Amino acid sequence: MYLTMTEEKKLQNIIKELKSENSKLREELRIAQKAHAASSGNNNFIKELTLKTEEIRTQNEEIRAINEELVATNEALKESEEHLSQILDESVDAIIHSDKTGQIFYA
């Protein structure tokens, strides 16, 4: 099959247009891939941020529990000190606390 010059030129123009369209599509694909990669990076960042946030929440709960325990312990200690002070103040007998060397800590 032989082509006329006009038909050959038409085909060459079609090939040029297709190559141009192909280049545009490749560029659009490259841009879409970059956007997807950035989006994936953002998704990974969001996942990591979510995990870190959950870790911080867990640590905060642990800190609150420890703090509540410390508050309860301090209240118990204060009550115990007040009770001891009351016993010592109301005692008719002398109560002395000393170490092995005889140093008096409370009288």
Protein backbone atom coordinates (compact mmCIF):
# COMPACT_ATOMS: atom_id res chain seq x y z
CA MET A 1 0.00 0.00 0.00
CA TYR A 2 1.40 3.34 -1.02
CA LEU A 3 0.55 6.65 0.60
CA THR A 4 0.24 9.90 -1.17
CA MET A 5 2.25 12.85 0.06
CA THR A 6 -0.88 14.40 1.53
CA GLU A 7 -1.79 11.23 3.43
CA GLU A 8 1.77 10.86 4.70
CA LYS A 9 1.78 14.48 5.95
CA LYS A 10 -1.58 13.91 7.66
CA LEU A 11 -0.18 10.83 9.40
CA GLN A 12 2.96 12.71 10.42
CA ASN A 13 0.81 15.48 11.90
CA ILE A 14 -1.29 12.92 13.76
CA ILE A 15 1.90 11.33 15.10
CA LYS A 16 3.16 14.75 16.27
CA GLU A 17 -0.16 15.47 17.97
CA LEU A 18 -0.12 12.05 19.64
CA LYS A 19 3.48 12.57 20.81
CA SER A 20 2.53 15.97 22.17
CA GLU A 21 -0.52 14.52 23.93
CA ASN A 22 1.64 11.68 25.23
CA SER A 23 4.12 14.20 26.70
CA LYS A 24 1.29 16.13 28.35
CA LEU A 25 -0.16 12.94 29.82
CA ARG A 26 3.27 11.88 31.11
CA GLU A 27 3.70 15.28 32.78
CA GLU A 28 0.23 15.04 34.33
CA LEU A 29 1.06 11.53 35.53
CA ARG A 30 4.33 12.76 37.04
CA ILE A 31 2.48 15.57 38.82
CA ALA A 32 -0.20 13.16 40.05
CA GLN A 33 2.49 10.76 41.31
CA LYS A 34 4.20 13.60 43.19
CA ALA A 35 0.88 14.66 44.68
CA HIS A 36 0.16 11.07 45.68
CA ALA A 37 3.61 10.72 47.24
CA ALA A 38 3.09 13.96 49.15
CA SER A 39 -0.35 12.78 50.19
CA SER A 40 1.10 9.43 51.29
CA GLY A 41 3.78 11.31 53.19
CA ASN A 42 1.08 13.38 54.85
CA ASN A 43 -0.86 10.22 55.62
CA ASN A 44 2.24 8.70 57.21
CA PHE A 45 2.82 11.90 59.14
CA ILE A 46 -0.80 11.91 60.31
CA LYS A 47 -0.55 8.24 61.34
CA GLU A 48 2.69 8.92 63.22
CA LEU A 49 1.18 12.01 64.84
CA THR A 50 -1.88 10.00 65.88
CA LEU A 51 0.33 7.30 67.43
CA LYS A 52 2.40 9.89 69.31
CA THR A 53 -0.77 11.60 70.52
CA GLU A 54 -2.07 8.29 71.85
CA GLU A 55 1.27 7.63 73.59
CA ILE A 56 1.06 11.06 75.23
CA ARG A 57 -2.53 10.37 76.36
CA THR A 58 -1.44 7.07 77.88
CA GLN A 59 1.48 8.73 79.66
CA ASN A 60 -0.82 11.49 80.93
CA GLU A 61 -3.19 8.89 82.36
CA GLU A 62 -0.27 7.17 84.10
CA ILE A 63 0.92 10.53 85.49
CA ARG A 64 -2.61 11.33 86.75
CA ALA A 65 -2.78 7.93 88.48
CA ILE A 66 0.64 8.45 90.10
CA ASN A 67 -0.35 11.98 91.12
CA GLU A 68 -3.59 10.72 92.71
CA GLU A 69 -1.59 8.10 94.60
CA LEU A 70 0.87 10.76 95.81
CA VAL A 71 -1.97 13.03 96.94
CA ALA A 72 -3.58 10.13 98.85
CA THR A 73 -0.22 9.20 100.39
CA ASN A 74 0.43 12.82 101.44
CA GLU A 75 -3.03 13.04 103.00
CA ALA A 76 -2.45 9.77 104.88
CA LEU A 77 0.97 11.01 106.05
CA LYS A 78 -0.52 14.31 107.21
CA GLU A 79 -3.24 12.48 109.15
CA SER A 80 -0.63 10.19 110.67
CA GLU A 81 1.56 13.15 111.69
CA GLU A 82 -1.45 14.94 113.18
CA HIS A 83 -2.43 11.78 115.07
CA LEU A 84 1.13 11.34 116.41
CA SER A 85 1.28 15.00 117.36
CA GLN A 86 -2.03 14.70 119.19
CA ILE A 87 -0.83 11.60 121.09
CA LEU A 88 2.43 13.30 122.08
CA ASP A 89 0.73 16.56 123.09
CA GLU A 90 -1.96 14.84 125.18
CA SER A 91 0.34 12.29 126.82
CA VAL A 92 0.91 12.71 130.55
CA ASP A 93 4.06 10.63 130.33
CA ALA A 94 7.25 11.83 128.68
CA ILE A 95 7.81 10.33 125.25
CA ILE A 96 11.32 10.61 123.91
CA HIS A 97 12.61 9.46 120.54
CA SER A 98 16.36 9.07 120.20
CA ASP A 99 18.90 7.19 118.11
CA LYS A 100 21.55 4.69 119.27
CA THR A 101 23.95 7.46 120.24
CA GLY A 102 21.39 9.05 122.52
CA GLN A 103 20.62 12.00 120.28
CA ILE A 104 17.05 13.07 121.00
CA PHE A 105 14.82 13.70 117.98
CA TYR A 106 11.55 14.37 119.72
CA ALA A 107 10.68 15.04 123.33
